[in-house]
């Protein structure tokens, strides 16, 4: 007897978007930490420092918009607890 996987297409889309946004959120956090580290150690030029803030804010706004569009909470993007340790 062959068993079939029963899935709800809406739930599959939600789960896939959750997975993708979780990866994007992890990358965003890594980028933010890297930028802060480089600001602290002086390895960024002034114009780079001025560009980093707005770029990270736009990414955060885009993430918020996508979460709202697909009905995903911030907690769903971090299902196993804090992925990155606090600084």
PDB file of N, CA and C in Angstrom:
ATOM      1  N   UNK A   1       0.839  -1.178   0.000  1.00  0.00           N
ATOM      2  CA  UNK A   1       0.000   0.000   0.000  1.00  0.00           C
ATOM      3  C   UNK A   1       0.892   1.252   0.000  1.00  0.00           C
ATOM      4  N   UNK A   2       0.629   2.140  -0.924  1.00  0.00           N
ATOM      5  CA  UNK A   2       1.393   3.375  -1.036  1.00  0.00           C
ATOM      6  C   UNK A   2       0.754   4.449  -0.169  1.00  0.00           C
ATOM      7  N   UNK A   3       1.585   5.083   0.653  1.00  0.00           N
ATOM      8  CA  UNK A   3       1.075   6.175   1.495  1.00  0.00           C
ATOM      9  C   UNK A   3       1.372   7.497   0.807  1.00  0.00           C
ATOM     10  N   UNK A   4       0.423   8.376   0.859  1.00  0.00           N
ATOM     11  CA  UNK A   4       0.595   9.701   0.269  1.00  0.00           C
ATOM     12  C   UNK A   4       0.687  10.737   1.364  1.00  0.00           C
ATOM     13  N   UNK A   5       1.476  11.714   1.094  1.00  0.00           N
ATOM     14  CA  UNK A   5       1.596  12.832   2.011  1.00  0.00           C
ATOM     15  C   UNK A   5       0.428  13.772   1.765  1.00  0.00           C
ATOM     16  N   UNK A   6      -0.375  13.975   2.786  1.00  0.00           N
ATOM     17  CA  UNK A   6      -1.521  14.880   2.670  1.00  0.00           C
ATOM     18  C   UNK A   6      -1.073  16.251   3.154  1.00  0.00           C
ATOM     19  N   UNK A   7      -1.128  17.216   2.275  1.00  0.00           N
ATOM     20  CA  UNK A   7      -0.719  18.563   2.652  1.00  0.00           C
ATOM     21  C   UNK A   7      -1.758  19.576   2.203  1.00  0.00           C
ATOM     22  N   UNK A   8      -1.851  20.606   2.986  1.00  0.00           N
ATOM     23  CA  UNK A   8      -2.711  21.729   2.650  1.00  0.00           C
ATOM     24  C   UNK A   8      -1.838  22.730   1.895  1.00  0.00           C
ATOM     25  N   UNK A   9      -2.156  23.060   0.637  1.00  0.00           N
ATOM     26  CA  UNK A   9      -1.307  23.970  -0.140  1.00  0.00           C
ATOM     27  C   UNK A   9      -1.043  25.298   0.557  1.00  0.00           C
ATOM     28  N   UNK A  10      -2.031  25.826   1.271  1.00  0.00           N
ATOM     29  CA  UNK A  10      -1.823  27.087   1.978  1.00  0.00           C
ATOM     30  C   UNK A  10      -0.795  26.925   3.090  1.00  0.00           C
ATOM     31  N   UNK A  11      -0.829  25.803   3.768  1.00  0.00           N
ATOM     32  CA  UNK A  11       0.119  25.559   4.862  1.00  0.00           C
ATOM     33  C   UNK A  11       1.535  25.337   4.318  1.00  0.00           C
ATOM     34  N   UNK A  12       1.636  24.674   3.196  1.00  0.00           N
ATOM     35  CA  UNK A  12       2.951  24.445   2.590  1.00  0.00           C
ATOM     36  C   UNK A  12       3.579  25.785   2.210  1.00  0.00           C
ATOM     37  N   UNK A  13       2.797  26.666   1.615  1.00  0.00           N
ATOM     38  CA  UNK A  13       3.312  27.980   1.240  1.00  0.00           C
ATOM     39  C   UNK A  13       3.764  28.743   2.485  1.00  0.00           C
ATOM     40  N   UNK A  14       2.961  28.723   3.521  1.00  0.00           N
ATOM     41  CA  UNK A  14       3.286  29.410   4.766  1.00  0.00           C
ATOM     42  C   UNK A  14       4.590  28.858   5.350  1.00  0.00           C
ATOM     43  N   UNK A  15       4.719  27.529   5.392  1.00  0.00           N
ATOM     44  CA  UNK A  15       5.923  26.908   5.946  1.00  0.00           C
ATOM     45  C   UNK A  15       7.159  27.234   5.112  1.00  0.00           C
ATOM     46  N   UNK A  16       7.005  27.234   3.789  1.00  0.00           N
ATOM     47  CA  UNK A  16       8.130  27.561   2.922  1.00  0.00           C
ATOM     48  C   UNK A  16       8.555  29.010   3.108  1.00  0.00           C
ATOM     49  N   UNK A  17       7.587  29.917   3.160  1.00  0.00           N
ATOM     50  CA  UNK A  17       7.905  31.334   3.374  1.00  0.00           C
ATOM     51  C   UNK A  17       8.574  31.512   4.739  1.00  0.00           C
ATOM     52  N   UNK A  18       8.095  30.793   5.743  1.00  0.00           N
ATOM     53  CA  UNK A  18       8.709  30.836   7.075  1.00  0.00           C
ATOM     54  C   UNK A  18      10.174  30.421   7.003  1.00  0.00           C
ATOM     55  N   UNK A  19      10.438  29.335   6.312  1.00  0.00           N
ATOM     56  CA  UNK A  19      11.806  28.844   6.189  1.00  0.00           C
ATOM     57  C   UNK A  19      12.699  29.866   5.489  1.00  0.00           C
ATOM     58  N   UNK A  20      12.227  30.402   4.375  1.00  0.00           N
ATOM     59  CA  UNK A  20      13.014  31.378   3.627  1.00  0.00           C
ATOM     60  C   UNK A  20      13.258  32.627   4.467  1.00  0.00           C
ATOM     61  N   UNK A  21      12.219  33.129   5.124  1.00  0.00           N
ATOM     62  CA  UNK A  21      12.381  34.335   5.937  1.00  0.00           C
ATOM     63  C   UNK A  21      13.271  34.083   7.156  1.00  0.00           C
ATOM     64  N   UNK A  22      13.267  32.863   7.680  1.00  0.00           N
ATOM     65  CA  UNK A  22      14.161  32.528   8.791  1.00  0.00           C
ATOM     66  C   UNK A  22      15.614  32.622   8.334  1.00  0.00           C
ATOM     67  N   UNK A  23      15.904  32.106   7.154  1.00  0.00           N
ATOM     68  CA  UNK A  23      17.267  32.183   6.615  1.00  0.00           C
ATOM     69  C   UNK A  23      17.649  33.637   6.353  1.00  0.00           C
ATOM     70  N   UNK A  24      16.733  34.402   5.763  1.00  0.00           N
ATOM     71  CA  UNK A  24      17.004  35.819   5.491  1.00  0.00           C
ATOM     72  C   UNK A  24      17.221  36.572   6.805  1.00  0.00           C
ATOM     73  N   UNK A  25      16.439  36.269   7.834  1.00  0.00           N
ATOM     74  CA  UNK A  25      16.593  36.932   9.133  1.00  0.00           C
ATOM     75  C   UNK A  25      17.949  36.601   9.750  1.00  0.00           C
ATOM     76  N   UNK A  26      18.384  35.375   9.634  1.00  0.00           N
ATOM     77  CA  UNK A  26      19.700  34.991  10.142  1.00  0.00           C
ATOM     78  C   UNK A  26      20.801  35.770   9.418  1.00  0.00           C
ATOM     79  N   UNK A  27      20.703  35.851   8.097  1.00  0.00           N
ATOM     80  CA  UNK A  27      21.682  36.604   7.313  1.00  0.00           C
ATOM     81  C   UNK A  27      21.638  38.087   7.686  1.00  0.00           C
ATOM     82  N   UNK A  28      20.423  38.623   7.889  1.00  0.00           N
ATOM     83  CA  UNK A  28      20.292  40.035   8.277  1.00  0.00           C
ATOM     84  C   UNK A  28      20.988  40.298   9.607  1.00  0.00           C
ATOM     85  N   UNK A  29      20.780  39.398  10.571  1.00  0.00           N
ATOM     86  CA  UNK A  29      21.429  39.556  11.875  1.00  0.00           C
ATOM     87  C   UNK A  29      22.947  39.480  11.752  1.00  0.00           C
ATOM     88  N   UNK A  30      23.424  38.560  10.921  1.00  0.00           N
ATOM     89  CA  UNK A  30      24.870  38.446  10.710  1.00  0.00           C
ATOM     90  C   UNK A  30      25.430  39.715  10.064  1.00  0.00           C
ATOM     91  N   UNK A  31      24.719  40.251   9.073  1.00  0.00           N
ATOM     92  CA  UNK A  31      25.157  41.481   8.416  1.00  0.00           C
ATOM     93  C   UNK A  31      25.199  42.645   9.410  1.00  0.00           C
ATOM     94  N   UNK A  32      24.172  42.730  10.252  1.00  0.00           N
ATOM     95  CA  UNK A  32      24.106  43.802  11.235  1.00  0.00           C
ATOM     96  C   UNK A  32      25.278  43.708  12.214  1.00  0.00           C
ATOM     97  N   UNK A  33      25.545  42.531  12.697  1.00  0.00           N
ATOM     98  CA  UNK A  33      26.667  42.345  13.632  1.00  0.00           C
ATOM     99  C   UNK A  33      28.008  42.637  12.966  1.00  0.00           C
ATOM    100  N   UNK A  34      28.159  42.207  11.728  1.00  0.00           N
ATOM    101  CA  UNK A  34      29.394  42.484  10.997  1.00  0.00           C
ATOM    102  C   UNK A  34      29.574  43.984  10.810  1.00  0.00           C
ATOM    103  N   UNK A  35      28.495  44.674  10.456  1.00  0.00           N
ATOM    104  CA  UNK A  35      28.575  46.125  10.271  1.00  0.00           C
ATOM    105  C   UNK A  35      28.951  46.817  11.575  1.00  0.00           C
ATOM    106  N   UNK A  36      28.325  46.409  12.677  1.00  0.00           N
ATOM    107  CA  UNK A  36      28.666  47.017  13.972  1.00  0.00           C
ATOM    108  C   UNK A  36      30.114  46.749  14.354  1.00  0.00           C
ATOM    109  N   UNK A  37      30.573  45.537  14.106  1.00  0.00           N
ATOM    110  CA  UNK A  37      31.966  45.205  14.409  1.00  0.00           C
ATOM    111  C   UNK A  37      32.908  46.074  13.590  1.00  0.00           C
ATOM    112  N   UNK A  38      32.589  46.255  12.300  1.00  0.00           N
ATOM    113  CA  UNK A  38      33.450  47.055  11.434  1.00  0.00           C
ATOM    114  C   UNK A  38      33.388  48.541  11.782  1.00  0.00           C
ATOM    115  N   UNK A  39      32.242  49.020  12.262  1.00  0.00           N
ATOM    116  CA  UNK A  39      32.156  50.409  12.728  1.00  0.00           C
ATOM    117  C   UNK A  39      33.039  50.568  13.963  1.00  0.00           C
ATOM    118  N   UNK A  40      32.937  49.614  14.889  1.00  0.00           N
ATOM    119  CA  UNK A  40      33.719  49.674  16.126  1.00  0.00           C
ATOM    120  C   UNK A  40      35.222  49.609  15.874  1.00  0.00           C
ATOM    121  N   UNK A  41      35.655  48.790  14.910  1.00  0.00           N
ATOM    122  CA  UNK A  41      37.102  48.655  14.687  1.00  0.00           C
ATOM    123  C   UNK A  41      37.643  49.664  13.675  1.00  0.00           C
ATOM    124  N   UNK A  42      36.758  50.514  13.137  1.00  0.00           N
ATOM    125  CA  UNK A  42      37.196  51.588  12.253  1.00  0.00           C
ATOM    126  C   UNK A  42      37.517  51.157  10.833  1.00  0.00           C
ATOM    127  N   UNK A  43      37.059  49.981  10.416  1.00  0.00           N
ATOM    128  CA  UNK A  43      37.397  49.500   9.072  1.00  0.00           C
ATOM    129  C   UNK A  43      36.403  49.953   7.994  1.00  0.00           C
ATOM    130  N   UNK A  44      35.396  50.746   8.369  1.00  0.00           N
ATOM    131  CA  UNK A  44      34.464  51.295   7.385  1.00  0.00           C
ATOM    132  C   UNK A  44      34.746  52.780   7.180  1.00  0.00           C
ATOM    133  N   UNK A  45      34.658  53.210   5.925  1.00  0.00           N
ATOM    134  CA  UNK A  45      34.779  54.637   5.647  1.00  0.00           C
ATOM    135  C   UNK A  45      33.487  55.334   6.057  1.00  0.00           C
ATOM    136  N   UNK A  46      33.547  56.631   6.223  1.00  0.00           N
ATOM    137  CA  UNK A  46      32.397  57.410   6.679  1.00  0.00           C
ATOM    138  C   UNK A  46      31.167  57.206   5.794  1.00  0.00           C
ATOM    139  N   UNK A  47      31.358  57.216   4.464  1.00  0.00           N
ATOM    140  CA  UNK A  47      30.213  57.051   3.559  1.00  0.00           C
ATOM    141  C   UNK A  47      29.635  55.636   3.657  1.00  0.00           C
ATOM    142  N   UNK A  48      30.465  54.645   3.965  1.00  0.00           N
ATOM    143  CA  UNK A  48      29.964  53.283   4.164  1.00  0.00           C
ATOM    144  C   UNK A  48      29.121  53.201   5.438  1.00  0.00           C
ATOM    145  N   UNK A  49      29.595  53.873   6.484  1.00  0.00           N
ATOM    146  CA  UNK A  49      28.853  53.899   7.747  1.00  0.00           C
ATOM    147  C   UNK A  49      27.492  54.541   7.533  1.00  0.00           C
ATOM    148  N   UNK A  50      27.466  55.646   6.768  1.00  0.00           N
ATOM    149  CA  UNK A  50      26.210  56.340   6.510  1.00  0.00           C
ATOM    150  C   UNK A  50      25.257  55.497   5.655  1.00  0.00           C
ATOM    151  N   UNK A  51      25.773  54.603   4.829  1.00  0.00           N
ATOM    152  CA  UNK A  51      24.937  53.776   3.963  1.00  0.00           C
ATOM    153  C   UNK A  51      24.401  52.536   4.677  1.00  0.00           C
ATOM    154  N   UNK A  52      25.133  52.047   5.670  1.00  0.00           N
ATOM    155  CA  UNK A  52      24.754  50.801   6.345  1.00  0.00           C
ATOM    156  C   UNK A  52      23.430  50.941   7.088  1.00  0.00           C
ATOM    157  N   UNK A  53      23.261  52.004   7.837  1.00  0.00           N
ATOM    158  CA  UNK A  53      22.042  52.194   8.631  1.00  0.00           C
ATOM    159  C   UNK A  53      20.776  52.148   7.795  1.00  0.00           C
ATOM    160  N   UNK A  54      20.666  52.994   6.768  1.00  0.00           N
ATOM    161  CA  UNK A  54      19.459  52.967   5.935  1.00  0.00           C
ATOM    162  C   UNK A  54      19.252  51.624   5.226  1.00  0.00           C
ATOM    163  N   UNK A  55      20.323  50.979   4.806  1.00  0.00           N
ATOM    164  CA  UNK A  55      20.188  49.682   4.124  1.00  0.00           C
ATOM    165  C   UNK A  55      19.610  48.642   5.076  1.00  0.00           C
ATOM    166  N   UNK A  56      20.107  48.601   6.307  1.00  0.00           N
ATOM    167  CA  UNK A  56      19.586  47.642   7.284  1.00  0.00           C
ATOM    168  C   UNK A  56      18.143  47.975   7.671  1.00  0.00           C
ATOM    169  N   UNK A  57      17.819  49.251   7.735  1.00  0.00           N
ATOM    170  CA  UNK A  57      16.444  49.645   8.050  1.00  0.00           C
ATOM    171  C   UNK A  57      15.493  49.241   6.923  1.00  0.00           C
ATOM    172  N   UNK A  58      15.915  49.397   5.664  1.00  0.00           N
ATOM    173  CA  UNK A  58      15.066  48.986   4.533  1.00  0.00           C
ATOM    174  C   UNK A  58      14.856  47.472   4.545  1.00  0.00           C
ATOM    175  N   UNK A  59      15.905  46.730   4.851  1.00  0.00           N
ATOM    176  CA  UNK A  59      15.780  45.280   4.927  1.00  0.00           C
ATOM    177  C   UNK A  59      14.816  44.891   6.041  1.00  0.00           C
ATOM    178  N   UNK A  60      14.912  45.562   7.185  1.00  0.00           N
ATOM    179  CA  UNK A  60      14.007  45.286   8.295  1.00  0.00           C
ATOM    180  C   UNK A  60      12.557  45.602   7.904  1.00  0.00           C
ATOM    181  N   UNK A  61      12.344  46.710   7.212  1.00  0.00           N
ATOM    182  CA  UNK A  61      10.998  47.071   6.754  1.00  0.00           C
ATOM    183  C   UNK A  61      10.464  46.057   5.756  1.00  0.00           C
ATOM    184  N   UNK A  62      11.324  45.582   4.857  1.00  0.00           N
ATOM    185  CA  UNK A  62      10.905  44.574   3.883  1.00  0.00           C
ATOM    186  C   UNK A  62      10.531  43.276   4.589  1.00  0.00           C
ATOM    187  N   UNK A  63      11.319  42.888   5.589  1.00  0.00           N
ATOM    188  CA  UNK A  63      11.021  41.675   6.351  1.00  0.00           C
ATOM    189  C   UNK A  63       9.686  41.819   7.075  1.00  0.00           C
ATOM    190  N   UNK A  64       9.446  42.978   7.674  1.00  0.00           N
ATOM    191  CA  UNK A  64       8.179  43.226   8.364  1.00  0.00           C
ATOM    192  C   UNK A  64       7.016  43.123   7.391  1.00  0.00           C
ATOM    193  N   UNK A  65       7.165  43.718   6.218  1.00  0.00           N
ATOM    194  CA  UNK A  65       6.114  43.660   5.200  1.00  0.00           C
ATOM    195  C   UNK A  65       5.822  42.231   4.751  1.00  0.00           C
ATOM    196  N   UNK A  66       6.861  41.444   4.555  1.00  0.00           N
ATOM    197  CA  UNK A  66       6.670  40.049   4.139  1.00  0.00           C
ATOM    198  C   UNK A  66       6.032  39.226   5.257  1.00  0.00           C
ATOM    199  N   UNK A  67       6.462  39.463   6.497  1.00  0.00           N
ATOM    200  CA  UNK A  67       5.843  38.748   7.624  1.00  0.00           C
ATOM    201  C   UNK A  67       4.357  39.068   7.692  1.00  0.00           C
ATOM    202  N   UNK A  68       4.015  40.340   7.549  1.00  0.00           N
ATOM    203  CA  UNK A  68       2.602  40.746   7.601  1.00  0.00           C
ATOM    204  C   UNK A  68       1.823  40.156   6.427  1.00  0.00           C
ATOM    205  N   UNK A  69       2.407  40.176   5.252  1.00  0.00           N
ATOM    206  CA  UNK A  69       1.724  39.664   4.050  1.00  0.00           C
ATOM    207  C   UNK A  69       1.378  38.187   4.188  1.00  0.00           C
ATOM    208  N   UNK A  70       2.287  37.418   4.797  1.00  0.00           N
ATOM    209  CA  UNK A  70       2.073  35.983   4.909  1.00  0.00           C
ATOM    210  C   UNK A  70       1.595  35.560   6.297  1.00  0.00           C
ATOM    211  N   UNK A  71       1.313  36.523   7.177  1.00  0.00           N
ATOM    212  CA  UNK A  71       0.797  36.203   8.501  1.00  0.00           C
ATOM    213  C   UNK A  71       1.780  35.430   9.358  1.00  0.00           C
ATOM    214  N   UNK A  72       3.035  35.848   9.328  1.00  0.00           N
ATOM    215  CA  UNK A  72       4.094  35.162  10.072  1.00  0.00           C
ATOM    216  C   UNK A  72       4.542  36.052  11.221  1.00  0.00           C
ATOM    217  N   UNK A  73       4.655  35.464  12.402  1.00  0.00           N
ATOM    218  CA  UNK A  73       5.120  36.220  13.556  1.00  0.00           C
ATOM    219  C   UNK A  73       6.644  36.152  13.654  1.00  0.00           C
ATOM    220  N   UNK A  74       7.220  37.084  14.407  1.00  0.00           N
ATOM    221  CA  UNK A  74       8.664  37.049  14.626  1.00  0.00           C
ATOM    222  C   UNK A  74       9.076  35.753  15.307  1.00  0.00           C
ATOM    223  N   UNK A  75       8.232  35.252  16.208  1.00  0.00           N
ATOM    224  CA  UNK A  75       8.546  34.012  16.924  1.00  0.00           C
ATOM    225  C   UNK A  75       8.661  32.831  15.962  1.00  0.00           C
ATOM    226  N   UNK A  76       7.881  32.840  14.880  1.00  0.00           N
ATOM    227  CA  UNK A  76       7.953  31.751  13.908  1.00  0.00           C
ATOM    228  C   UNK A  76       9.278  31.749  13.150  1.00  0.00           C
ATOM    229  N   UNK A  77       9.941  32.899  13.100  1.00  0.00           N
ATOM    230  CA  UNK A  77      11.223  32.980  12.398  1.00  0.00           C
ATOM    231  C   UNK A  77      12.377  32.515  13.270  1.00  0.00           C
ATOM    232  N   UNK A  78      12.091  32.236  14.507  1.00  0.00           N
ATOM    233  CA  UNK A  78      13.130  31.788  15.423  1.00  0.00           C
ATOM    234  C   UNK A  78      12.565  30.656  16.281  1.00  0.00           C
ATOM    235  N   UNK A  79      12.196  29.542  15.640  1.00  0.00           N
ATOM    236  CA  UNK A  79      11.466  28.492  16.348  1.00  0.00           C
ATOM    237  C   UNK A  79      12.270  27.726  17.392  1.00  0.00           C
ATOM    238  N   UNK A  80      13.575  27.782  17.329  1.00  0.00           N
ATOM    239  CA  UNK A  80      14.395  27.005  18.270  1.00  0.00           C
ATOM    240  C   UNK A  80      15.054  27.880  19.325  1.00  0.00           C
ATOM    241  N   UNK A  81      14.610  29.101  19.455  1.00  0.00           N
ATOM    242  CA  UNK A  81      15.237  30.015  20.399  1.00  0.00           C
ATOM    243  C   UNK A  81      16.237  30.891  19.667  1.00  0.00           C
ATOM    244  N   UNK A  82      17.058  31.553  20.408  1.00  0.00           N
ATOM    245  CA  UNK A  82      18.033  32.461  19.819  1.00  0.00           C
ATOM    246  C   UNK A  82      19.061  31.688  19.010  1.00  0.00           C
ATOM    247  N   UNK A  83      19.105  31.971  17.733  1.00  0.00           N
ATOM    248  CA  UNK A  83      20.053  31.299  16.855  1.00  0.00           C
ATOM    249  C   UNK A  83      21.448  31.881  17.046  1.00  0.00           C
ATOM    250  N   UNK A  84      21.510  33.186  17.117  1.00  0.00           N
ATOM    251  CA  UNK A  84      22.787  33.850  17.339  1.00  0.00           C
ATOM    252  C   UNK A  84      22.883  34.272  18.796  1.00  0.00           C
ATOM    253  N   UNK A  85      24.012  34.007  19.448  1.00  0.00           N
ATOM    254  CA  UNK A  85      24.152  34.459  20.826  1.00  0.00           C
ATOM    255  C   UNK A  85      24.201  35.980  20.897  1.00  0.00           C
ATOM    256  N   UNK A  86      23.744  36.504  22.016  1.00  0.00           N
ATOM    257  CA  UNK A  86      23.790  37.961  22.208  1.00  0.00           C
ATOM    258  C   UNK A  86      25.240  38.406  22.268  1.00  0.00           C
ATOM    259  N   UNK A  87      25.468  39.626  21.857  1.00  0.00           N
ATOM    260  CA  UNK A  87      26.838  40.180  21.884  1.00  0.00           C
ATOM    261  C   UNK A  87      27.278  40.419  23.297  1.00  0.00           C
TER     262      UNK A  87
END
